[in-house]
Amino acid sequence: MEVAMTRTIFRSGNSTVVSLPSGILENIGLGVGDEVNVVADVQQGHIIIQPINTMPEKITPALLEEIDQFIDRCRPALDDLADDKA
């Protein structure tokens, strides 16, 4: 799915900025502080912003979901283990 919208370039301090709506960032899994590559395609006159994938390939969204479910299911035991180590 492609989303297009008009944005205005503006100055913020010594930087030139294009604001990005939080909804778009959330849809592609980005947030404030995340690093991205900015590529200028001079021939086409395009600027491309690409997320830097810092997640190892083998760690899939499905695996992360399973880990979250495990933590939710075992929270009391994990908390007890953490208390014992403290």
C-alpha atoms as a PDB file:
ATOM      1  CA  MET A   1       0.000   0.000   0.000  1.00  0.00           C
ATOM      2  CA  GLU A   2       1.344   3.404  -0.957  1.00  0.00           C
ATOM      3  CA  VAL A   3       0.402   6.563   0.920  1.00  0.00           C
ATOM      4  CA  ALA A   4       1.062   9.990  -0.588  1.00  0.00           C
ATOM      5  CA  MET A   5       0.548  13.427   0.902  1.00  0.00           C
ATOM      6  CA  THR A   6       1.831  16.953   0.488  1.00  0.00           C
ATOM      7  CA  ARG A   7       4.271  18.199   3.126  1.00  0.00           C
ATOM      8  CA  THR A   8       6.095  21.539   3.450  1.00  0.00           C
ATOM      9  CA  ILE A   9       9.862  21.849   3.830  1.00  0.00           C
ATOM     10  CA  PHE A  10      10.749  24.189   6.696  1.00  0.00           C
ATOM     11  CA  ARG A  11      13.734  25.322   8.726  1.00  0.00           C
ATOM     12  CA  SER A  12      14.376  24.205  12.304  1.00  0.00           C
ATOM     13  CA  GLY A  13      17.558  25.720  13.709  1.00  0.00           C
ATOM     14  CA  ASN A  14      20.303  25.037  11.169  1.00  0.00           C
ATOM     15  CA  SER A  15      18.454  22.073   9.640  1.00  0.00           C
ATOM     16  CA  THR A  16      15.959  21.790   6.815  1.00  0.00           C
ATOM     17  CA  VAL A  17      13.064  19.552   7.847  1.00  0.00           C
ATOM     18  CA  VAL A  18      10.130  17.650   6.365  1.00  0.00           C
ATOM     19  CA  SER A  19       7.768  16.441   9.093  1.00  0.00           C
ATOM     20  CA  LEU A  20       6.411  12.895   8.857  1.00  0.00           C
ATOM     21  CA  PRO A  21       3.007  12.015  10.326  1.00  0.00           C
ATOM     22  CA  SER A  22       3.168   9.576  13.241  1.00  0.00           C
ATOM     23  CA  GLY A  23       0.620   7.295  11.549  1.00  0.00           C
ATOM     24  CA  ILE A  24       2.913   6.718   8.589  1.00  0.00           C
ATOM     25  CA  LEU A  25       5.883   6.069  10.868  1.00  0.00           C
ATOM     26  CA  GLU A  26       3.876   3.594  12.955  1.00  0.00           C
ATOM     27  CA  ASN A  27       2.711   1.741   9.837  1.00  0.00           C
ATOM     28  CA  ILE A  28       6.291   1.097   8.756  1.00  0.00           C
ATOM     29  CA  GLY A  29       7.592   0.472  12.280  1.00  0.00           C
ATOM     30  CA  LEU A  30       9.587   3.668  12.777  1.00  0.00           C
ATOM     31  CA  GLY A  31       9.610   6.189  15.587  1.00  0.00           C
ATOM     32  CA  VAL A  32      11.463   9.213  16.908  1.00  0.00           C
ATOM     33  CA  GLY A  33      15.140   8.359  17.368  1.00  0.00           C
ATOM     34  CA  ASP A  34      15.239   5.550  14.792  1.00  0.00           C
ATOM     35  CA  GLU A  35      17.990   5.753  12.195  1.00  0.00           C
ATOM     36  CA  VAL A  36      17.169   5.868   8.487  1.00  0.00           C
ATOM     37  CA  ASN A  37      19.108   6.102   5.231  1.00  0.00           C
ATOM     38  CA  VAL A  38      18.292   9.115   3.087  1.00  0.00           C
ATOM     39  CA  VAL A  39      18.962   8.554  -0.618  1.00  0.00           C
ATOM     40  CA  ALA A  40      18.719  11.287  -3.252  1.00  0.00           C
ATOM     41  CA  ASP A  41      17.848   9.947  -6.711  1.00  0.00           C
ATOM     42  CA  VAL A  42      19.041  12.966  -8.669  1.00  0.00           C
ATOM     43  CA  GLN A  43      17.994  11.588 -12.065  1.00  0.00           C
ATOM     44  CA  GLN A  44      14.401  10.993 -10.934  1.00  0.00           C
ATOM     45  CA  GLY A  45      14.276  13.991  -8.593  1.00  0.00           C
ATOM     46  CA  HIS A  46      13.245  11.777  -5.650  1.00  0.00           C
ATOM     47  CA  ILE A  47      14.310  11.562  -2.036  1.00  0.00           C
ATOM     48  CA  ILE A  48      13.969   8.092  -0.540  1.00  0.00           C
ATOM     49  CA  ILE A  49      13.910   7.462   3.209  1.00  0.00           C
ATOM     50  CA  GLN A  50      14.663   3.845   4.103  1.00  0.00           C
ATOM     51  CA  PRO A  51      14.608   2.252   7.555  1.00  0.00           C
ATOM     52  CA  ILE A  52      17.886   0.768   8.721  1.00  0.00           C
ATOM     53  CA  ASN A  53      17.067  -2.821   9.624  1.00  0.00           C
ATOM     54  CA  THR A  54      18.893  -3.429  12.893  1.00  0.00           C
ATOM     55  CA  MET A  55      16.949  -6.608  13.678  1.00  0.00           C
ATOM     56  CA  PRO A  56      18.813  -9.833  12.835  1.00  0.00           C
ATOM     57  CA  GLU A  57      17.151 -11.718   9.961  1.00  0.00           C
ATOM     58  CA  LYS A  58      16.247 -14.749  12.077  1.00  0.00           C
ATOM     59  CA  ILE A  59      14.278 -12.619  14.549  1.00  0.00           C
ATOM     60  CA  THR A  60      10.932 -12.426  12.791  1.00  0.00           C
ATOM     61  CA  PRO A  61       7.801 -10.577  13.919  1.00  0.00           C
ATOM     62  CA  ALA A  62       6.252 -14.005  14.649  1.00  0.00           C
ATOM     63  CA  LEU A  63       9.141 -14.888  16.974  1.00  0.00           C
ATOM     64  CA  LEU A  64       8.833 -11.543  18.765  1.00  0.00           C
ATOM     65  CA  GLU A  65       5.101 -12.189  19.242  1.00  0.00           C
ATOM     66  CA  GLU A  66       5.835 -15.636  20.708  1.00  0.00           C
ATOM     67  CA  ILE A  67       8.366 -14.107  23.107  1.00  0.00           C
ATOM     68  CA  ASP A  68       5.831 -11.471  24.215  1.00  0.00           C
ATOM     69  CA  GLN A  69       3.220 -14.191  24.817  1.00  0.00           C
ATOM     70  CA  PHE A  70       5.733 -16.256  26.813  1.00  0.00           C
ATOM     71  CA  ILE A  71       6.619 -13.264  28.989  1.00  0.00           C
ATOM     72  CA  ASP A  72       2.931 -12.476  29.575  1.00  0.00           C
ATOM     73  CA  ARG A  73       2.195 -16.104  30.496  1.00  0.00           C
ATOM     74  CA  CYS A  74       5.204 -16.509  32.784  1.00  0.00           C
ATOM     75  CA  ARG A  75       5.381 -12.991  34.276  1.00  0.00           C
ATOM     76  CA  PRO A  76       4.983 -14.052  37.958  1.00  0.00           C
ATOM     77  CA  ALA A  77       7.735 -16.675  37.717  1.00  0.00           C
ATOM     78  CA  LEU A  78      10.041 -14.304  35.840  1.00  0.00           C
ATOM     79  CA  ASP A  79       9.453 -11.585  38.451  1.00  0.00           C
ATOM     80  CA  ASP A  80      10.275 -14.082  41.228  1.00  0.00           C
ATOM     81  CA  LEU A  81      13.491 -15.061  39.460  1.00  0.00           C
ATOM     82  CA  ALA A  82      14.459 -11.409  39.065  1.00  0.00           C
ATOM     83  CA  ASP A  83      13.774 -10.773  42.784  1.00  0.00           C
ATOM     84  CA  ASP A  84      15.960 -13.749  43.750  1.00  0.00           C
ATOM     85  CA  LYS A  85      18.879 -12.339  41.722  1.00  0.00           C
ATOM     86  CA  ALA A  86      18.581  -8.852  43.258  1.00  0.00           C
END
